[in-house]
Amino acid sequence: MRLVIARCAVDYSGRLNAHLPPATRVLMHKGDGSLLVHSDGGSYKPLNWMSPPCSLTTEAPGEDEASAGVVEVWRVTHKKTGDALRVQIYEVLHDSAHDLGIDPGLRKDGVEADLQRLLAEQVDLISEGATLVRREFPTAIGPVDLMVRDAGGAAIAVEVKRRGDIDGVEQLTRYLELLGRDPHLAPVQGVFAAQEIKPQARVLAEDRGIRCLVLDYEGMKGTESGAPRLF
């Protein structure tokens, strides 16, 4: 990756036209060929950019540009669309290249699979004295995240989400309708478990006799005190 801090102006031409007047900015030329133009603000989003596949070439400034103080011109052209990003560089304040190597990718903590695994290991949070029957319990329309038996042997189907919304409640409702037809399971209770449950989803769940369980992910990992709340 090449990082350049420069006073520059940028023009984008193609399916749309855009202009950034002269100012000090960060130019990030990545190994995949892309170029991103950043200011000291706006969080992660660049002011303008060119995504791959594209190529960067340098040009000498024209007479008018040189007289205006431009010392170098970059042209980044998209190989498929022909869109172009033209950068007029007036002054370079920093120029460095860095080999970042192969990135292992983002590993998310607290995704649904983690919540499901932790809840399967702590089924007492669903019902005291409960036992796990199976994770990914199969139905004709897809697997239920957890199938549990309470202390009295009654079946409980649990749907686990990071953020619980109406769609998740509808999904669990469909599972319950199918599972309720199995004489070995009926009657089946439903529990909708999530780190956060939207108010509309809670109203719908309670109207359908489904219990809502708010999960304290940090507490379940043992990194903080706190217990899920069953409503």
C-alpha atoms as a PDB file:
ATOM      1  CA  MET A   1       0.000   0.000   0.000  1.00  0.00           C
ATOM      2  CA  ARG A   2       1.210   3.484  -0.868  1.00  0.00           C
ATOM      3  CA  LEU A   3       0.197   6.389   1.365  1.00  0.00           C
ATOM      4  CA  VAL A   4       0.618   9.919   0.087  1.00  0.00           C
ATOM      5  CA  ILE A   5      -0.319  13.089   1.944  1.00  0.00           C
ATOM      6  CA  ALA A   6      -0.530  15.865  -0.600  1.00  0.00           C
ATOM      7  CA  ARG A   7      -2.162  19.126  -1.489  1.00  0.00           C
ATOM      8  CA  CYS A   8      -4.252  18.057  -4.436  1.00  0.00           C
ATOM      9  CA  ALA A   9      -7.370  18.534  -6.516  1.00  0.00           C
ATOM     10  CA  VAL A  10      -9.435  15.608  -7.770  1.00  0.00           C
ATOM     11  CA  ASP A  11     -11.795  15.229 -10.707  1.00  0.00           C
ATOM     12  CA  TYR A  12     -13.992  12.193 -11.374  1.00  0.00           C
ATOM     13  CA  SER A  13     -15.410  11.715 -14.871  1.00  0.00           C
ATOM     14  CA  GLY A  14     -17.615   8.999 -16.325  1.00  0.00           C
ATOM     15  CA  ARG A  15     -21.122   7.997 -15.329  1.00  0.00           C
ATOM     16  CA  LEU A  16     -21.011  11.030 -13.039  1.00  0.00           C
ATOM     17  CA  ASN A  17     -18.750  14.040 -12.721  1.00  0.00           C
ATOM     18  CA  ALA A  18     -17.388  15.344  -9.423  1.00  0.00           C
ATOM     19  CA  HIS A  19     -14.737  17.856  -8.384  1.00  0.00           C
ATOM     20  CA  LEU A  20     -12.688  18.318  -5.221  1.00  0.00           C
ATOM     21  CA  PRO A  21     -10.890  21.703  -5.161  1.00  0.00           C
ATOM     22  CA  PRO A  22      -7.278  21.943  -3.932  1.00  0.00           C
ATOM     23  CA  ALA A  23      -6.779  20.889  -0.295  1.00  0.00           C
ATOM     24  CA  THR A  24      -4.500  18.673   1.771  1.00  0.00           C
ATOM     25  CA  ARG A  25      -5.698  15.060   1.629  1.00  0.00           C
ATOM     26  CA  VAL A  26      -4.565  11.453   2.068  1.00  0.00           C
ATOM     27  CA  LEU A  27      -4.241   9.396  -1.122  1.00  0.00           C
ATOM     28  CA  MET A  28      -4.362   5.664  -0.460  1.00  0.00           C
ATOM     29  CA  HIS A  29      -3.265   3.481  -3.386  1.00  0.00           C
ATOM     30  CA  LYS A  30      -3.945  -0.139  -2.394  1.00  0.00           C
ATOM     31  CA  GLY A  31      -2.416  -3.345  -3.662  1.00  0.00           C
ATOM     32  CA  ASP A  32      -5.605  -4.253  -5.534  1.00  0.00           C
ATOM     33  CA  GLY A  33      -5.165  -1.116  -7.655  1.00  0.00           C
ATOM     34  CA  SER A  34      -7.881   0.960  -6.005  1.00  0.00           C
ATOM     35  CA  LEU A  35      -7.335   4.595  -5.056  1.00  0.00           C
ATOM     36  CA  LEU A  36      -9.101   6.267  -2.133  1.00  0.00           C
ATOM     37  CA  VAL A  37      -9.047   9.986  -1.379  1.00  0.00           C
ATOM     38  CA  HIS A  38      -9.514  10.845   2.308  1.00  0.00           C
ATOM     39  CA  SER A  39      -9.852  14.064   4.274  1.00  0.00           C
ATOM     40  CA  ASP A  40      -9.247  14.507   7.999  1.00  0.00           C
ATOM     41  CA  GLY A  41     -12.901  13.861   8.779  1.00  0.00           C
ATOM     42  CA  GLY A  42     -15.938  11.953   7.576  1.00  0.00           C
ATOM     43  CA  SER A  43     -14.974   8.825   9.505  1.00  0.00           C
ATOM     44  CA  TYR A  44     -14.102   5.835   7.312  1.00  0.00           C
ATOM     45  CA  LYS A  45     -15.704   7.048   4.081  1.00  0.00           C
ATOM     46  CA  PRO A  46     -13.406   8.479   1.375  1.00  0.00           C
ATOM     47  CA  LEU A  47     -14.303  11.709  -0.402  1.00  0.00           C
ATOM     48  CA  ASN A  48     -13.847   9.950  -3.736  1.00  0.00           C
ATOM     49  CA  TRP A  49     -12.406   6.667  -4.931  1.00  0.00           C
ATOM     50  CA  MET A  50     -11.916   4.257  -7.805  1.00  0.00           C
ATOM     51  CA  SER A  51     -12.593   0.577  -7.194  1.00  0.00           C
ATOM     52  CA  PRO A  52     -10.787  -2.275  -8.985  1.00  0.00           C
ATOM     53  CA  PRO A  53     -10.248  -3.402 -11.641  1.00  0.00           C
ATOM     54  CA  CYS A  54      -8.393  -0.202 -12.427  1.00  0.00           C
ATOM     55  CA  SER A  55      -4.916   1.056 -13.271  1.00  0.00           C
ATOM     56  CA  LEU A  56      -2.919   4.103 -12.206  1.00  0.00           C
ATOM     57  CA  THR A  57      -0.643   6.070 -14.514  1.00  0.00           C
ATOM     58  CA  THR A  58       1.266   9.298 -13.907  1.00  0.00           C
ATOM     59  CA  GLU A  59       1.328  12.219 -16.323  1.00  0.00           C
ATOM     60  CA  ALA A  60       3.258  15.431 -16.628  1.00  0.00           C
ATOM     61  CA  PRO A  61       1.056  18.453 -15.937  1.00  0.00           C
ATOM     62  CA  GLY A  62       0.008  20.656 -18.833  1.00  0.00           C
ATOM     63  CA  GLU A  63       1.388  24.159 -19.226  1.00  0.00           C
ATOM     64  CA  ASP A  64      -1.592  25.797 -17.524  1.00  0.00           C
ATOM     65  CA  GLU A  65      -1.475  23.245 -14.704  1.00  0.00           C
ATOM     66  CA  ALA A  66       2.269  23.685 -14.206  1.00  0.00           C
ATOM     67  CA  SER A  67       1.893  27.452 -14.062  1.00  0.00           C
ATOM     68  CA  ALA A  68      -0.792  26.950 -11.405  1.00  0.00           C
ATOM     69  CA  GLY A  69       1.636  24.909  -9.303  1.00  0.00           C
ATOM     70  CA  VAL A  70       0.723  21.322 -10.265  1.00  0.00           C
ATOM     71  CA  VAL A  71       3.833  19.109 -10.082  1.00  0.00           C
ATOM     72  CA  GLU A  72       2.331  15.720 -11.035  1.00  0.00           C
ATOM     73  CA  VAL A  73      -0.929  14.248 -12.316  1.00  0.00           C
ATOM     74  CA  TRP A  74      -2.327  10.808 -11.475  1.00  0.00           C
ATOM     75  CA  ARG A  75      -4.922   9.187 -13.677  1.00  0.00           C
ATOM     76  CA  VAL A  76      -6.773   6.120 -12.377  1.00  0.00           C
ATOM     77  CA  THR A  77      -8.930   4.460 -15.032  1.00  0.00           C
ATOM     78  CA  HIS A  78     -11.504   1.729 -14.489  1.00  0.00           C
ATOM     79  CA  LYS A  79     -10.763  -1.125 -16.878  1.00  0.00           C
ATOM     80  CA  LYS A  80     -14.420  -2.001 -17.558  1.00  0.00           C
ATOM     81  CA  THR A  81     -16.347   1.269 -17.492  1.00  0.00           C
ATOM     82  CA  GLY A  82     -13.643   3.717 -18.556  1.00  0.00           C
ATOM     83  CA  ASP A  83     -14.500   6.023 -15.639  1.00  0.00           C
ATOM     84  CA  ALA A  84     -11.465   8.067 -14.617  1.00  0.00           C
ATOM     85  CA  LEU A  85     -10.179   9.715 -11.466  1.00  0.00           C
ATOM     86  CA  ARG A  86      -7.677  12.503 -12.215  1.00  0.00           C
ATOM     87  CA  VAL A  87      -5.584  13.819  -9.323  1.00  0.00           C
ATOM     88  CA  GLN A  88      -3.614  17.053  -9.671  1.00  0.00           C
ATOM     89  CA  ILE A  89      -0.840  17.098  -7.073  1.00  0.00           C
ATOM     90  CA  TYR A  90       0.475  20.492  -6.012  1.00  0.00           C
ATOM     91  CA  GLU A  91       2.722  19.483  -3.124  1.00  0.00           C
ATOM     92  CA  VAL A  92       3.704  16.139  -1.555  1.00  0.00           C
ATOM     93  CA  LEU A  93       4.019  16.226   2.242  1.00  0.00           C
ATOM     94  CA  HIS A  94       4.513  12.497   2.773  1.00  0.00           C
ATOM     95  CA  ASP A  95       5.028   9.480   0.511  1.00  0.00           C
ATOM     96  CA  SER A  96       5.570   5.948   1.826  1.00  0.00           C
ATOM     97  CA  ALA A  97       4.928   2.361   0.745  1.00  0.00           C
ATOM     98  CA  HIS A  98       4.120  -0.533   3.076  1.00  0.00           C
ATOM     99  CA  ASP A  99       3.737  -4.274   2.500  1.00  0.00           C
ATOM    100  CA  LEU A 100       0.783  -5.275   4.668  1.00  0.00           C
ATOM    101  CA  GLY A 101       0.913  -8.965   3.747  1.00  0.00           C
ATOM    102  CA  ILE A 102      -2.122 -11.236   3.615  1.00  0.00           C
ATOM    103  CA  ASP A 103      -4.972 -10.156   5.870  1.00  0.00           C
ATOM    104  CA  PRO A 104      -6.718 -13.007   7.742  1.00  0.00           C
ATOM    105  CA  GLY A 105     -10.085 -11.224   7.504  1.00  0.00           C
ATOM    106  CA  LEU A 106     -12.532  -9.937  10.077  1.00  0.00           C
ATOM    107  CA  ARG A 107     -13.510 -12.304  12.854  1.00  0.00           C
ATOM    108  CA  LYS A 108     -16.763 -11.222  14.404  1.00  0.00           C
ATOM    109  CA  ASP A 109     -17.481 -11.764  18.067  1.00  0.00           C
ATOM    110  CA  GLY A 110     -21.039 -12.157  19.234  1.00  0.00           C
ATOM    111  CA  VAL A 111     -22.527 -13.462  15.987  1.00  0.00           C
ATOM    112  CA  GLU A 112     -25.586 -15.702  16.089  1.00  0.00           C
ATOM    113  CA  ALA A 113     -23.493 -18.884  15.998  1.00  0.00           C
ATOM    114  CA  ASP A 114     -21.646 -17.769  19.162  1.00  0.00           C
ATOM    115  CA  LEU A 115     -24.894 -16.908  20.924  1.00  0.00           C
ATOM    116  CA  GLN A 116     -26.427 -20.230  19.920  1.00  0.00           C
ATOM    117  CA  ARG A 117     -23.406 -22.187  21.159  1.00  0.00           C
ATOM    118  CA  LEU A 118     -23.289 -20.388  24.507  1.00  0.00           C
ATOM    119  CA  LEU A 119     -27.020 -20.733  25.071  1.00  0.00           C
ATOM    120  CA  ALA A 120     -26.829 -24.456  24.236  1.00  0.00           C
ATOM    121  CA  GLU A 121     -24.216 -24.764  26.979  1.00  0.00           C
ATOM    122  CA  GLN A 122     -26.355 -22.770  29.441  1.00  0.00           C
ATOM    123  CA  VAL A 123     -29.890 -24.014  28.806  1.00  0.00           C
ATOM    124  CA  ASP A 124     -30.841 -23.245  32.431  1.00  0.00           C
ATOM    125  CA  LEU A 125     -31.141 -19.658  31.196  1.00  0.00           C
ATOM    126  CA  ILE A 126     -34.095 -20.813  29.082  1.00  0.00           C
ATOM    127  CA  SER A 127     -35.751 -22.870  31.805  1.00  0.00           C
ATOM    128  CA  GLU A 128     -34.335 -24.028  35.136  1.00  0.00           C
ATOM    129  CA  GLY A 129     -33.492 -27.724  34.999  1.00  0.00           C
ATOM    130  CA  ALA A 130     -33.817 -27.845  31.192  1.00  0.00           C
ATOM    131  CA  THR A 131     -31.804 -30.207  29.002  1.00  0.00           C
ATOM    132  CA  LEU A 132     -30.627 -29.727  25.426  1.00  0.00           C
ATOM    133  CA  VAL A 133     -32.173 -32.083  22.871  1.00  0.00           C
ATOM    134  CA  ARG A 134     -30.300 -30.794  19.825  1.00  0.00           C
ATOM    135  CA  ARG A 135     -28.880 -27.741  18.133  1.00  0.00           C
ATOM    136  CA  GLU A 136     -30.182 -27.078  14.595  1.00  0.00           C
ATOM    137  CA  PHE A 137     -33.240 -29.265  15.174  1.00  0.00           C
ATOM    138  CA  PRO A 138     -34.591 -30.108  11.687  1.00  0.00           C
ATOM    139  CA  THR A 139     -38.009 -29.177  10.328  1.00  0.00           C
ATOM    140  CA  ALA A 140     -39.420 -29.265   6.799  1.00  0.00           C
ATOM    141  CA  ILE A 141     -38.768 -25.505   6.405  1.00  0.00           C
ATOM    142  CA  GLY A 142     -35.367 -25.310   8.055  1.00  0.00           C
ATOM    143  CA  PRO A 143     -33.690 -25.995  11.389  1.00  0.00           C
ATOM    144  CA  VAL A 144     -34.735 -24.532  14.727  1.00  0.00           C
ATOM    145  CA  ASP A 145     -31.682 -23.150  16.507  1.00  0.00           C
ATOM    146  CA  LEU A 146     -32.240 -25.088  19.738  1.00  0.00           C
ATOM    147  CA  MET A 147     -34.670 -27.785  20.863  1.00  0.00           C
ATOM    148  CA  VAL A 148     -34.836 -28.082  24.635  1.00  0.00           C
ATOM    149  CA  ARG A 149     -36.851 -30.071  27.192  1.00  0.00           C
ATOM    150  CA  ASP A 150     -37.774 -28.362  30.433  1.00  0.00           C
ATOM    151  CA  ALA A 151     -37.578 -30.080  33.822  1.00  0.00           C
ATOM    152  CA  GLY A 152     -41.023 -31.554  33.248  1.00  0.00           C
ATOM    153  CA  GLY A 153     -40.151 -32.873  29.781  1.00  0.00           C
ATOM    154  CA  ALA A 154     -42.070 -30.267  27.770  1.00  0.00           C
ATOM    155  CA  ALA A 155     -40.516 -29.286  24.425  1.00  0.00           C
ATOM    156  CA  ILE A 156     -39.188 -25.757  23.925  1.00  0.00           C
ATOM    157  CA  ALA A 157     -38.134 -24.438  20.501  1.00  0.00           C
ATOM    158  CA  VAL A 158     -35.652 -21.563  20.691  1.00  0.00           C
ATOM    159  CA  GLU A 159     -34.798 -19.117  17.903  1.00  0.00           C
ATOM    160  CA  VAL A 160     -31.567 -17.145  18.504  1.00  0.00           C
ATOM    161  CA  LYS A 161     -30.794 -13.751  16.941  1.00  0.00           C
ATOM    162  CA  ARG A 162     -28.325 -10.961  17.599  1.00  0.00           C
ATOM    163  CA  ARG A 163     -31.078  -8.397  17.093  1.00  0.00           C
ATOM    164  CA  GLY A 164     -34.610  -9.671  17.346  1.00  0.00           C
ATOM    165  CA  ASP A 165     -37.129  -8.176  14.942  1.00  0.00           C
ATOM    166  CA  ILE A 166     -40.568  -9.103  13.609  1.00  0.00           C
ATOM    167  CA  ASP A 167     -39.119 -11.367  10.910  1.00  0.00           C
ATOM    168  CA  GLY A 168     -37.479 -13.524  13.574  1.00  0.00           C
ATOM    169  CA  VAL A 169     -40.762 -13.879  15.446  1.00  0.00           C
ATOM    170  CA  GLU A 170     -42.538 -14.857  12.241  1.00  0.00           C
ATOM    171  CA  GLN A 171     -39.817 -17.430  11.555  1.00  0.00           C
ATOM    172  CA  LEU A 172     -40.214 -19.008  14.989  1.00  0.00           C
ATOM    173  CA  THR A 173     -44.007 -18.974  14.602  1.00  0.00           C
ATOM    174  CA  ARG A 174     -43.727 -21.064  11.433  1.00  0.00           C
ATOM    175  CA  TYR A 175     -41.450 -23.541  13.186  1.00  0.00           C
ATOM    176  CA  LEU A 176     -43.870 -23.855  16.104  1.00  0.00           C
ATOM    177  CA  GLU A 177     -46.791 -24.546  13.781  1.00  0.00           C
ATOM    178  CA  LEU A 178     -44.912 -27.452  12.184  1.00  0.00           C
ATOM    179  CA  LEU A 179     -43.442 -28.835  15.393  1.00  0.00           C
ATOM    180  CA  GLY A 180     -46.840 -28.713  17.067  1.00  0.00           C
ATOM    181  CA  ARG A 181     -48.093 -31.335  14.603  1.00  0.00           C
ATOM    182  CA  ASP A 182     -45.596 -33.889  15.934  1.00  0.00           C
ATOM    183  CA  PRO A 183     -47.289 -35.906  18.711  1.00  0.00           C
ATOM    184  CA  HIS A 184     -43.885 -36.668  20.241  1.00  0.00           C
ATOM    185  CA  LEU A 185     -43.254 -32.951  20.773  1.00  0.00           C
ATOM    186  CA  ALA A 186     -46.655 -31.261  21.143  1.00  0.00           C
ATOM    187  CA  PRO A 187     -47.369 -28.971  22.794  1.00  0.00           C
ATOM    188  CA  VAL A 188     -44.225 -26.991  21.929  1.00  0.00           C
ATOM    189  CA  GLN A 189     -43.363 -23.770  23.718  1.00  0.00           C
ATOM    190  CA  GLY A 190     -41.464 -20.998  21.917  1.00  0.00           C
ATOM    191  CA  VAL A 191     -38.632 -18.800  23.173  1.00  0.00           C
ATOM    192  CA  PHE A 192     -37.275 -15.891  21.114  1.00  0.00           C
ATOM    193  CA  ALA A 193     -33.728 -15.131  22.326  1.00  0.00           C
ATOM    194  CA  ALA A 194     -31.605 -12.156  21.260  1.00  0.00           C
ATOM    195  CA  GLN A 195     -29.151  -9.589  22.569  1.00  0.00           C
ATOM    196  CA  GLU A 196     -31.676  -6.897  21.684  1.00  0.00           C
ATOM    197  CA  ILE A 197     -35.384  -7.340  20.927  1.00  0.00           C
ATOM    198  CA  LYS A 198     -37.257  -4.555  19.187  1.00  0.00           C
ATOM    199  CA  PRO A 199     -40.468  -3.395  20.891  1.00  0.00           C
ATOM    200  CA  GLN A 200     -42.671  -4.394  17.929  1.00  0.00           C
ATOM    201  CA  ALA A 201     -41.139  -7.875  17.912  1.00  0.00           C
ATOM    202  CA  ARG A 202     -41.740  -8.257  21.644  1.00  0.00           C
ATOM    203  CA  VAL A 203     -45.407  -7.269  21.295  1.00  0.00           C
ATOM    204  CA  LEU A 204     -45.914  -9.749  18.454  1.00  0.00           C
ATOM    205  CA  ALA A 205     -44.106 -12.550  20.289  1.00  0.00           C
ATOM    206  CA  GLU A 206     -46.070 -12.089  23.497  1.00  0.00           C
ATOM    207  CA  ASP A 207     -49.319 -11.923  21.544  1.00  0.00           C
ATOM    208  CA  ARG A 208     -48.496 -15.351  20.121  1.00  0.00           C
ATOM    209  CA  GLY A 209     -47.509 -16.860  23.449  1.00  0.00           C
ATOM    210  CA  ILE A 210     -43.783 -16.769  22.704  1.00  0.00           C
ATOM    211  CA  ARG A 211     -41.457 -15.823  25.553  1.00  0.00           C
ATOM    212  CA  CYS A 212     -38.684 -13.291  24.967  1.00  0.00           C
ATOM    213  CA  LEU A 213     -35.197 -13.836  26.376  1.00  0.00           C
ATOM    214  CA  VAL A 214     -32.698 -10.965  26.315  1.00  0.00           C
ATOM    215  CA  LEU A 215     -29.172 -12.387  26.215  1.00  0.00           C
ATOM    216  CA  ASP A 216     -26.260 -10.842  28.103  1.00  0.00           C
ATOM    217  CA  TYR A 217     -23.488 -12.000  25.772  1.00  0.00           C
ATOM    218  CA  GLU A 218     -20.614 -10.769  27.949  1.00  0.00           C
ATOM    219  CA  GLY A 219     -22.154 -12.381  30.997  1.00  0.00           C
ATOM    220  CA  MET A 220     -22.642 -15.663  29.152  1.00  0.00           C
ATOM    221  CA  LYS A 221     -18.958 -15.610  28.208  1.00  0.00           C
ATOM    222  CA  GLY A 222     -18.102 -15.021  31.852  1.00  0.00           C
ATOM    223  CA  THR A 223     -16.405 -11.688  31.204  1.00  0.00           C
ATOM    224  CA  GLU A 224     -18.974  -9.581  33.066  1.00  0.00           C
ATOM    225  CA  SER A 225     -21.582 -10.124  35.710  1.00  0.00           C
ATOM    226  CA  GLY A 226     -25.158 -10.076  34.579  1.00  0.00           C
ATOM    227  CA  ALA A 227     -27.888 -12.516  33.690  1.00  0.00           C
ATOM    228  CA  PRO A 228     -30.379 -12.738  30.823  1.00  0.00           C
ATOM    229  CA  ARG A 229     -33.846 -11.512  31.611  1.00  0.00           C
ATOM    230  CA  LEU A 230     -36.820 -13.680  30.814  1.00  0.00           C
ATOM    231  CA  PHE A 231     -40.060 -11.791  30.128  1.00  0.00           C
END
